[in-house]
C-alpha cells in the first residue's frame, strides 16, 4: 500500500479509488458517495473496502448535501463539522 496512491486513469464519476487509498481528496470522496447513492456499492462494503467508518461516510454525505463538493475538502469538513453535528442533534431530539 502506497501512501499517495494516484487516481486511476480516467478518474471520474464512474471510477472508484484504489482499495489502498489513504489520501482522500474531494474527487475520490465524491466518487465513493456517487457509487453509494447509485447503489453500485453499499455503505458497509465501502467501509470494508477503504477501511472507513460509517460515521466518516455519513459526514461526507452531510458535507456534500450542505456545502457541495467544496465541503469535502478536509479543511472545510473541520470548519463545517459543528454545523453538521447540530443538524444531527436536531434530528435526534425530535
PDB file of N, CA and C in Angstrom:
ATOM      1  N   UNK A   1       0.844  -1.172   0.000  1.00  0.00           N
ATOM      2  CA  UNK A   1       0.000   0.000   0.000  1.00  0.00           C
ATOM      3  C   UNK A   1       0.891   1.236   0.000  1.00  0.00           C
ATOM      4  N   UNK A   2       0.640   2.116  -0.938  1.00  0.00           N
ATOM      5  CA  UNK A   2       1.422   3.336  -1.001  1.00  0.00           C
ATOM      6  C   UNK A   2       0.705   4.448  -0.257  1.00  0.00           C
ATOM      7  N   UNK A   3       1.483   5.394   0.236  1.00  0.00           N
ATOM      8  CA  UNK A   3       0.896   6.494   0.987  1.00  0.00           C
ATOM      9  C   UNK A   3       0.046   7.376   0.094  1.00  0.00           C
ATOM     10  N   UNK A   4       0.521   7.642  -1.105  1.00  0.00           N
ATOM     11  CA  UNK A   4      -0.212   8.532  -2.001  1.00  0.00           C
ATOM     12  C   UNK A   4      -0.531   7.805  -3.299  1.00  0.00           C
ATOM     13  N   UNK A   5      -1.575   7.000  -3.285  1.00  0.00           N
ATOM     14  CA  UNK A   5      -1.971   6.296  -4.495  1.00  0.00           C
ATOM     15  C   UNK A   5      -2.505   7.298  -5.498  1.00  0.00           C
ATOM     16  N   UNK A   6      -1.981   7.269  -6.727  1.00  0.00           N
ATOM     17  CA  UNK A   6      -2.512   8.193  -7.737  1.00  0.00           C
ATOM     18  C   UNK A   6      -3.907   7.760  -8.144  1.00  0.00           C
ATOM     19  N   UNK A   7      -4.740   8.694  -8.586  1.00  0.00           N
ATOM     20  CA  UNK A   7      -6.053   8.296  -9.057  1.00  0.00           C
ATOM     21  C   UNK A   7      -5.913   7.423 -10.298  1.00  0.00           C
ATOM     22  N   UNK A   8      -6.845   6.492 -10.512  1.00  0.00           N
ATOM     23  CA  UNK A   8      -6.755   5.648 -11.688  1.00  0.00           C
ATOM     24  C   UNK A   8      -6.938   6.463 -12.957  1.00  0.00           C
ATOM     25  N   UNK A   9      -6.450   5.932 -14.080  1.00  0.00           N
ATOM     26  CA  UNK A   9      -6.614   6.604 -15.368  1.00  0.00           C
ATOM     27  C   UNK A   9      -8.100   6.786 -15.637  1.00  0.00           C
ATOM     28  N   UNK A  10      -8.448   7.935 -16.193  1.00  0.00           N
ATOM     29  CA  UNK A  10      -9.845   8.203 -16.485  1.00  0.00           C
ATOM     30  C   UNK A  10     -10.673   8.425 -15.247  1.00  0.00           C
ATOM     31  N   UNK A  11     -10.023   8.826 -14.170  1.00  0.00           N
ATOM     32  CA  UNK A  11     -10.725   9.015 -12.902  1.00  0.00           C
ATOM     33  C   UNK A  11     -11.850  10.012 -13.079  1.00  0.00           C
ATOM     34  N   UNK A  12     -13.002   9.637 -12.661  1.00  0.00           N
ATOM     35  CA  UNK A  12     -14.175  10.484 -12.743  1.00  0.00           C
ATOM     36  C   UNK A  12     -15.290   9.845 -11.959  1.00  0.00           C
ATOM     37  N   UNK A  13     -16.488  10.168 -12.296  1.00  0.00           N
ATOM     38  CA  UNK A  13     -17.640   9.660 -11.553  1.00  0.00           C
ATOM     39  C   UNK A  13     -17.776   8.140 -11.654  1.00  0.00           C
ATOM     40  N   UNK A  14     -17.323   7.564 -12.762  1.00  0.00           N
ATOM     41  CA  UNK A  14     -17.507   6.132 -12.966  1.00  0.00           C
ATOM     42  C   UNK A  14     -16.397   5.284 -12.353  1.00  0.00           C
ATOM     43  N   UNK A  15     -15.299   5.881 -11.986  1.00  0.00           N
ATOM     44  CA  UNK A  15     -14.171   5.124 -11.437  1.00  0.00           C
ATOM     45  C   UNK A  15     -14.141   5.280  -9.923  1.00  0.00           C
ATOM     46  N   UNK A  16     -13.808   4.216  -9.259  1.00  0.00           N
ATOM     47  CA  UNK A  16     -13.672   4.258  -7.802  1.00  0.00           C
ATOM     48  C   UNK A  16     -12.198   4.299  -7.426  1.00  0.00           C
ATOM     49  N   UNK A  17     -11.894   4.899  -6.287  1.00  0.00           N
ATOM     50  CA  UNK A  17     -10.500   4.965  -5.838  1.00  0.00           C
ATOM     51  C   UNK A  17      -9.931   3.563  -5.599  1.00  0.00           C
ATOM     52  N   UNK A  18      -8.617   3.443  -5.661  1.00  0.00           N
ATOM     53  CA  UNK A  18      -7.989   2.144  -5.371  1.00  0.00           C
ATOM     54  C   UNK A  18      -8.308   1.700  -3.938  1.00  0.00           C
ATOM     55  N   UNK A  19      -8.320   0.400  -3.732  1.00  0.00           N
ATOM     56  CA  UNK A  19      -8.618  -0.148  -2.409  1.00  0.00           C
ATOM     57  C   UNK A  19      -7.641   0.324  -1.339  1.00  0.00           C
ATOM     58  N   UNK A  20      -6.409   0.658  -1.749  1.00  0.00           N
ATOM     59  CA  UNK A  20      -5.390   1.045  -0.763  1.00  0.00           C
ATOM     60  C   UNK A  20      -5.321   2.560  -0.553  1.00  0.00           C
ATOM     61  N   UNK A  21      -6.354   3.290  -0.962  1.00  0.00           N
ATOM     62  CA  UNK A  21      -6.353   4.751  -0.829  1.00  0.00           C
ATOM     63  C   UNK A  21      -6.274   5.161   0.637  1.00  0.00           C
ATOM     64  N   UNK A  22      -5.354   6.055   0.926  1.00  0.00           N
ATOM     65  CA  UNK A  22      -5.258   6.632   2.272  1.00  0.00           C
ATOM     66  C   UNK A  22      -5.341   8.157   2.207  1.00  0.00           C
ATOM     67  N   UNK A  23      -5.164   8.708   1.037  1.00  0.00           N
ATOM     68  CA  UNK A  23      -5.254  10.157   0.853  1.00  0.00           C
ATOM     69  C   UNK A  23      -6.574  10.451   0.149  1.00  0.00           C
ATOM     70  N   UNK A  24      -7.505  11.029   0.900  1.00  0.00           N
ATOM     71  CA  UNK A  24      -8.861  11.223   0.409  1.00  0.00           C
ATOM     72  C   UNK A  24      -9.083  12.649  -0.065  1.00  0.00           C
ATOM     73  N   UNK A  25      -8.865  12.871  -1.346  1.00  0.00           N
ATOM     74  CA  UNK A  25      -9.129  14.177  -1.947  1.00  0.00           C
ATOM     75  C   UNK A  25     -10.626  14.246  -2.257  1.00  0.00           C
ATOM     76  N   UNK A  26     -11.175  15.459  -2.419  1.00  0.00           N
ATOM     77  CA  UNK A  26     -12.612  15.593  -2.650  1.00  0.00           C
ATOM     78  C   UNK A  26     -13.152  14.763  -3.817  1.00  0.00           C
ATOM     79  N   UNK A  27     -12.397  14.656  -4.901  1.00  0.00           N
ATOM     80  CA  UNK A  27     -12.898  13.890  -6.054  1.00  0.00           C
ATOM     81  C   UNK A  27     -13.060  12.410  -5.718  1.00  0.00           C
ATOM     82  N   UNK A  28     -12.180  11.867  -4.908  1.00  0.00           N
ATOM     83  CA  UNK A  28     -12.299  10.457  -4.502  1.00  0.00           C
ATOM     84  C   UNK A  28     -13.491  10.268  -3.573  1.00  0.00           C
ATOM     85  N   UNK A  29     -13.665  11.189  -2.633  1.00  0.00           N
ATOM     86  CA  UNK A  29     -14.826  11.118  -1.743  1.00  0.00           C
ATOM     87  C   UNK A  29     -16.109  11.190  -2.549  1.00  0.00           C
ATOM     88  N   UNK A  30     -16.156  12.108  -3.519  1.00  0.00           N
ATOM     89  CA  UNK A  30     -17.348  12.274  -4.356  1.00  0.00           C
ATOM     90  C   UNK A  30     -17.631  11.010  -5.164  1.00  0.00           C
ATOM     91  N   UNK A  31     -16.586  10.358  -5.671  1.00  0.00           N
ATOM     92  CA  UNK A  31     -16.773   9.125  -6.444  1.00  0.00           C
ATOM     93  C   UNK A  31     -17.382   8.031  -5.574  1.00  0.00           C
ATOM     94  N   UNK A  32     -16.916   7.911  -4.338  1.00  0.00           N
ATOM     95  CA  UNK A  32     -17.462   6.909  -3.421  1.00  0.00           C
ATOM     96  C   UNK A  32     -18.916   7.243  -3.095  1.00  0.00           C
ATOM     97  N   UNK A  33     -19.197   8.512  -2.814  1.00  0.00           N
ATOM     98  CA  UNK A  33     -20.569   8.915  -2.497  1.00  0.00           C
ATOM     99  C   UNK A  33     -21.503   8.652  -3.676  1.00  0.00           C
ATOM    100  N   UNK A  34     -21.034   8.927  -4.881  1.00  0.00           N
ATOM    101  CA  UNK A  34     -21.859   8.687  -6.072  1.00  0.00           C
ATOM    102  C   UNK A  34     -22.146   7.189  -6.229  1.00  0.00           C
ATOM    103  N   UNK A  35     -21.144   6.362  -5.989  1.00  0.00           N
ATOM    104  CA  UNK A  35     -21.327   4.911  -6.094  1.00  0.00           C
ATOM    105  C   UNK A  35     -22.320   4.413  -5.047  1.00  0.00           C
ATOM    106  N   UNK A  36     -22.243   4.952  -3.834  1.00  0.00           N
ATOM    107  CA  UNK A  36     -23.181   4.568  -2.780  1.00  0.00           C
ATOM    108  C   UNK A  36     -24.592   5.022  -3.158  1.00  0.00           C
ATOM    109  N   UNK A  37     -24.706   6.266  -3.600  1.00  0.00           N
ATOM    110  CA  UNK A  37     -26.013   6.828  -3.970  1.00  0.00           C
ATOM    111  C   UNK A  37     -26.662   6.051  -5.112  1.00  0.00           C
ATOM    112  N   UNK A  38     -25.862   5.610  -6.065  1.00  0.00           N
ATOM    113  CA  UNK A  38     -26.403   4.888  -7.220  1.00  0.00           C
ATOM    114  C   UNK A  38     -26.710   3.424  -6.905  1.00  0.00           C
ATOM    115  N   UNK A  39     -26.241   2.960  -5.747  1.00  0.00           N
ATOM    116  CA  UNK A  39     -26.459   1.564  -5.377  1.00  0.00           C
ATOM    117  C   UNK A  39     -25.389   0.627  -5.896  1.00  0.00           C
ATOM    118  N   UNK A  40     -24.340   1.180  -6.508  1.00  0.00           N
ATOM    119  CA  UNK A  40     -23.253   0.346  -7.032  1.00  0.00           C
ATOM    120  C   UNK A  40     -22.479  -0.337  -5.912  1.00  0.00           C
ATOM    121  N   UNK A  41     -22.473   0.281  -4.733  1.00  0.00           N
ATOM    122  CA  UNK A  41     -21.778  -0.282  -3.569  1.00  0.00           C
ATOM    123  C   UNK A  41     -22.542   0.161  -2.328  1.00  0.00           C
ATOM    124  N   UNK A  42     -22.597  -0.692  -1.330  1.00  0.00           N
ATOM    125  CA  UNK A  42     -23.274  -0.330  -0.084  1.00  0.00           C
ATOM    126  C   UNK A  42     -22.301   0.419   0.831  1.00  0.00           C
ATOM    127  N   UNK A  43     -22.860   1.121   1.795  1.00  0.00           N
ATOM    128  CA  UNK A  43     -22.003   1.820   2.760  1.00  0.00           C
ATOM    129  C   UNK A  43     -21.122   0.812   3.480  1.00  0.00           C
ATOM    130  N   UNK A  44     -21.692  -0.315   3.852  1.00  0.00           N
ATOM    131  CA  UNK A  44     -20.923  -1.329   4.577  1.00  0.00           C
ATOM    132  C   UNK A  44     -19.761  -1.855   3.733  1.00  0.00           C
ATOM    133  N   UNK A  45     -20.024  -2.098   2.448  1.00  0.00           N
ATOM    134  CA  UNK A  45     -18.957  -2.568   1.552  1.00  0.00           C
ATOM    135  C   UNK A  45     -17.878  -1.507   1.376  1.00  0.00           C
ATOM    136  N   UNK A  46     -18.314  -0.251   1.254  1.00  0.00           N
ATOM    137  CA  UNK A  46     -17.345   0.844   1.122  1.00  0.00           C
ATOM    138  C   UNK A  46     -16.473   0.936   2.372  1.00  0.00           C
ATOM    139  N   UNK A  47     -17.079   0.775   3.528  1.00  0.00           N
ATOM    140  CA  UNK A  47     -16.311   0.831   4.780  1.00  0.00           C
ATOM    141  C   UNK A  47     -15.252  -0.266   4.817  1.00  0.00           C
ATOM    142  N   UNK A  48     -15.633  -1.462   4.446  1.00  0.00           N
ATOM    143  CA  UNK A  48     -14.663  -2.565   4.434  1.00  0.00           C
ATOM    144  C   UNK A  48     -13.586  -2.338   3.377  1.00  0.00           C
ATOM    145  N   UNK A  49     -14.003  -1.936   2.195  1.00  0.00           N
ATOM    146  CA  UNK A  49     -13.065  -1.791   1.078  1.00  0.00           C
ATOM    147  C   UNK A  49     -11.995  -0.742   1.355  1.00  0.00           C
ATOM    148  N   UNK A  50     -12.410   0.404   1.918  1.00  0.00           N
ATOM    149  CA  UNK A  50     -11.454   1.504   2.121  1.00  0.00           C
ATOM    150  C   UNK A  50     -11.117   1.745   3.590  1.00  0.00           C
ATOM    151  N   UNK A  51     -11.516   0.830   4.464  1.00  0.00           N
ATOM    152  CA  UNK A  51     -11.215   0.939   5.890  1.00  0.00           C
ATOM    153  C   UNK A  51     -11.689   2.286   6.459  1.00  0.00           C
ATOM    154  N   UNK A  52     -12.959   2.593   6.203  1.00  0.00           N
ATOM    155  CA  UNK A  52     -13.591   3.814   6.687  1.00  0.00           C
ATOM    156  C   UNK A  52     -14.671   3.444   7.687  1.00  0.00           C
ATOM    157  N   UNK A  53     -15.071   4.399   8.483  1.00  0.00           N
ATOM    158  CA  UNK A  53     -16.190   4.164   9.389  1.00  0.00           C
ATOM    159  C   UNK A  53     -17.477   4.659   8.726  1.00  0.00           C
ATOM    160  N   UNK A  54     -18.589   4.119   9.164  1.00  0.00           N
ATOM    161  CA  UNK A  54     -19.890   4.575   8.679  1.00  0.00           C
ATOM    162  C   UNK A  54     -20.049   6.055   8.999  1.00  0.00           C
ATOM    163  N   UNK A  55     -19.577   6.460  10.180  1.00  0.00           N
ATOM    164  CA  UNK A  55     -19.683   7.862  10.593  1.00  0.00           C
ATOM    165  C   UNK A  55     -18.930   8.785   9.640  1.00  0.00           C
ATOM    166  N   UNK A  56     -17.760   8.340   9.162  1.00  0.00           N
ATOM    167  CA  UNK A  56     -16.976   9.158   8.233  1.00  0.00           C
ATOM    168  C   UNK A  56     -17.729   9.355   6.914  1.00  0.00           C
ATOM    169  N   UNK A  57     -18.290   8.278   6.387  1.00  0.00           N
ATOM    170  CA  UNK A  57     -19.036   8.388   5.139  1.00  0.00           C
ATOM    171  C   UNK A  57     -20.278   9.250   5.330  1.00  0.00           C
ATOM    172  N   UNK A  58     -20.943   9.090   6.467  1.00  0.00           N
ATOM    173  CA  UNK A  58     -22.119   9.923   6.740  1.00  0.00           C
ATOM    174  C   UNK A  58     -21.726  11.402   6.849  1.00  0.00           C
ATOM    175  N   UNK A  59     -20.562  11.676   7.404  1.00  0.00           N
ATOM    176  CA  UNK A  59     -20.071  13.054   7.466  1.00  0.00           C
ATOM    177  C   UNK A  59     -19.845  13.587   6.051  1.00  0.00           C
ATOM    178  N   UNK A  60     -19.261  12.765   5.177  1.00  0.00           N
ATOM    179  CA  UNK A  60     -19.064  13.178   3.790  1.00  0.00           C
ATOM    180  C   UNK A  60     -20.411  13.466   3.131  1.00  0.00           C
ATOM    181  N   UNK A  61     -21.405  12.615   3.398  1.00  0.00           N
ATOM    182  CA  UNK A  61     -22.727  12.812   2.801  1.00  0.00           C
ATOM    183  C   UNK A  61     -23.338  14.135   3.263  1.00  0.00           C
ATOM    184  N   UNK A  62     -23.233  14.424   4.553  1.00  0.00           N
ATOM    185  CA  UNK A  62     -23.767  15.686   5.073  1.00  0.00           C
ATOM    186  C   UNK A  62     -23.004  16.867   4.507  1.00  0.00           C
ATOM    187  N   UNK A  63     -21.681  16.738   4.400  1.00  0.00           N
ATOM    188  CA  UNK A  63     -20.864  17.819   3.847  1.00  0.00           C
ATOM    189  C   UNK A  63     -21.257  18.098   2.405  1.00  0.00           C
ATOM    190  N   UNK A  64     -21.470  17.053   1.634  1.00  0.00           N
ATOM    191  CA  UNK A  64     -21.863  17.215   0.238  1.00  0.00           C
ATOM    192  C   UNK A  64     -23.245  17.853   0.143  1.00  0.00           C
ATOM    193  N   UNK A  65     -24.165  17.425   0.995  1.00  0.00           N
ATOM    194  CA  UNK A  65     -25.523  17.970   0.964  1.00  0.00           C
ATOM    195  C   UNK A  65     -25.549  19.443   1.370  1.00  0.00           C
ATOM    196  N   UNK A  66     -24.748  19.814   2.349  1.00  0.00           N
ATOM    197  CA  UNK A  66     -24.752  21.181   2.872  1.00  0.00           C
ATOM    198  C   UNK A  66     -23.895  22.146   2.068  1.00  0.00           C
ATOM    199  N   UNK A  67     -22.735  21.689   1.610  1.00  0.00           N
ATOM    200  CA  UNK A  67     -21.771  22.610   1.002  1.00  0.00           C
ATOM    201  C   UNK A  67     -21.337  22.205  -0.405  1.00  0.00           C
ATOM    202  N   UNK A  68     -21.837  21.084  -0.917  1.00  0.00           N
ATOM    203  CA  UNK A  68     -21.425  20.627  -2.239  1.00  0.00           C
ATOM    204  C   UNK A  68     -19.999  20.101  -2.210  1.00  0.00           C
ATOM    205  N   UNK A  69     -19.413  19.876  -3.374  1.00  0.00           N
ATOM    206  CA  UNK A  69     -18.053  19.321  -3.437  1.00  0.00           C
ATOM    207  C   UNK A  69     -17.013  20.082  -2.608  1.00  0.00           C
ATOM    208  N   UNK A  70     -17.064  21.422  -2.525  1.00  0.00           N
ATOM    209  CA  UNK A  70     -16.064  22.097  -1.685  1.00  0.00           C
ATOM    210  C   UNK A  70     -16.129  21.664  -0.211  1.00  0.00           C
ATOM    211  N   UNK A  71     -17.292  21.230   0.234  1.00  0.00           N
ATOM    212  CA  UNK A  71     -17.437  20.768   1.611  1.00  0.00           C
ATOM    213  C   UNK A  71     -16.681  19.491   1.896  1.00  0.00           C
ATOM    214  N   UNK A  72     -16.244  18.793   0.849  1.00  0.00           N
ATOM    215  CA  UNK A  72     -15.493  17.551   1.028  1.00  0.00           C
ATOM    216  C   UNK A  72     -14.012  17.788   1.293  1.00  0.00           C
ATOM    217  N   UNK A  73     -13.551  19.019   1.145  1.00  0.00           N
ATOM    218  CA  UNK A  73     -12.152  19.317   1.474  1.00  0.00           C
ATOM    219  C   UNK A  73     -11.970  19.163   2.979  1.00  0.00           C
ATOM    220  N   UNK A  74     -10.865  18.605   3.389  1.00  0.00           N
ATOM    221  CA  UNK A  74     -10.619  18.356   4.809  1.00  0.00           C
ATOM    222  C   UNK A  74     -10.736  19.638   5.616  1.00  0.00           C
ATOM    223  N   UNK A  75     -10.203  20.717   5.102  1.00  0.00           N
ATOM    224  CA  UNK A  75     -10.272  21.973   5.857  1.00  0.00           C
ATOM    225  C   UNK A  75     -11.705  22.438   5.993  1.00  0.00           C
ATOM    226  N   UNK A  76     -12.521  22.197   4.991  1.00  0.00           N
ATOM    227  CA  UNK A  76     -13.941  22.579   5.056  1.00  0.00           C
ATOM    228  C   UNK A  76     -14.670  21.689   6.054  1.00  0.00           C
ATOM    229  N   UNK A  77     -14.387  20.390   6.052  1.00  0.00           N
ATOM    230  CA  UNK A  77     -15.041  19.481   6.990  1.00  0.00           C
ATOM    231  C   UNK A  77     -14.747  19.925   8.420  1.00  0.00           C
ATOM    232  N   UNK A  78     -13.499  20.313   8.687  1.00  0.00           N
ATOM    233  CA  UNK A  78     -13.149  20.759  10.031  1.00  0.00           C
ATOM    234  C   UNK A  78     -13.933  22.007  10.398  1.00  0.00           C
ATOM    235  N   UNK A  79     -14.125  22.897   9.444  1.00  0.00           N
ATOM    236  CA  UNK A  79     -14.860  24.129   9.702  1.00  0.00           C
ATOM    237  C   UNK A  79     -16.355  23.844   9.850  1.00  0.00           C
ATOM    238  N   UNK A  80     -16.905  22.999   8.967  1.00  0.00           N
ATOM    239  CA  UNK A  80     -18.346  22.760   8.948  1.00  0.00           C
ATOM    240  C   UNK A  80     -18.818  21.706   9.940  1.00  0.00           C
ATOM    241  N   UNK A  81     -17.917  20.912  10.506  1.00  0.00           N
ATOM    242  CA  UNK A  81     -18.322  19.809  11.381  1.00  0.00           C
ATOM    243  C   UNK A  81     -19.323  20.233  12.449  1.00  0.00           C
ATOM    244  N   UNK A  82     -19.112  21.356  13.156  1.00  0.00           N
ATOM    245  CA  UNK A  82     -20.104  21.745  14.168  1.00  0.00           C
ATOM    246  C   UNK A  82     -21.500  21.973  13.576  1.00  0.00           C
ATOM    247  N   UNK A  83     -21.570  22.487  12.369  1.00  0.00           N
ATOM    248  CA  UNK A  83     -22.871  22.688  11.729  1.00  0.00           C
ATOM    249  C   UNK A  83     -23.546  21.356  11.433  1.00  0.00           C
ATOM    250  N   UNK A  84     -22.766  20.391  10.945  1.00  0.00           N
ATOM    251  CA  UNK A  84     -23.326  19.092  10.628  1.00  0.00           C
ATOM    252  C   UNK A  84     -23.772  18.382  11.907  1.00  0.00           C
ATOM    253  N   UNK A  85     -23.003  18.510  12.971  1.00  0.00           N
ATOM    254  CA  UNK A  85     -23.358  17.863  14.231  1.00  0.00           C
ATOM    255  C   UNK A  85     -24.604  18.501  14.827  1.00  0.00           C
ATOM    256  N   UNK A  86     -24.785  19.821  14.671  1.00  0.00           N
ATOM    257  CA  UNK A  86     -26.000  20.484  15.159  1.00  0.00           C
ATOM    258  C   UNK A  86     -27.220  19.938  14.435  1.00  0.00           C
ATOM    259  N   UNK A  87     -27.103  19.696  13.125  1.00  0.00           N
ATOM    260  CA  UNK A  87     -28.211  19.119  12.371  1.00  0.00           C
ATOM    261  C   UNK A  87     -28.572  17.750  12.927  1.00  0.00           C
ATOM    262  N   UNK A  88     -27.554  16.947  13.286  1.00  0.00           N
ATOM    263  CA  UNK A  88     -27.798  15.623  13.853  1.00  0.00           C
ATOM    264  C   UNK A  88     -28.524  15.740  15.190  1.00  0.00           C
ATOM    265  N   UNK A  89     -28.126  16.701  16.009  1.00  0.00           N
ATOM    266  CA  UNK A  89     -28.744  16.881  17.314  1.00  0.00           C
ATOM    267  C   UNK A  89     -30.214  17.241  17.154  1.00  0.00           C
ATOM    268  N   UNK A  90     -30.550  18.088  16.174  1.00  0.00           N
ATOM    269  CA  UNK A  90     -31.933  18.468  15.937  1.00  0.00           C
ATOM    270  C   UNK A  90     -32.758  17.258  15.555  1.00  0.00           C
ATOM    271  N   UNK A  91     -32.230  16.407  14.679  1.00  0.00           N
ATOM    272  CA  UNK A  91     -32.934  15.219  14.235  1.00  0.00           C
ATOM    273  C   UNK A  91     -33.134  14.265  15.403  1.00  0.00           C
ATOM    274  N   UNK A  92     -32.093  14.069  16.207  1.00  0.00           N
ATOM    275  CA  UNK A  92     -32.174  13.120  17.316  1.00  0.00           C
ATOM    276  C   UNK A  92     -33.087  13.589  18.434  1.00  0.00           C
ATOM    277  N   UNK A  93     -33.246  14.894  18.614  1.00  0.00           N
ATOM    278  CA  UNK A  93     -34.081  15.408  19.697  1.00  0.00           C
ATOM    279  C   UNK A  93     -35.544  15.506  19.290  1.00  0.00           C
ATOM    280  N   UNK A  94     -35.828  15.354  17.996  1.00  0.00           N
ATOM    281  CA  UNK A  94     -37.221  15.443  17.525  1.00  0.00           C
ATOM    282  C   UNK A  94     -37.990  14.191  17.802  1.00  0.00           C
TER     283      UNK A  94
END
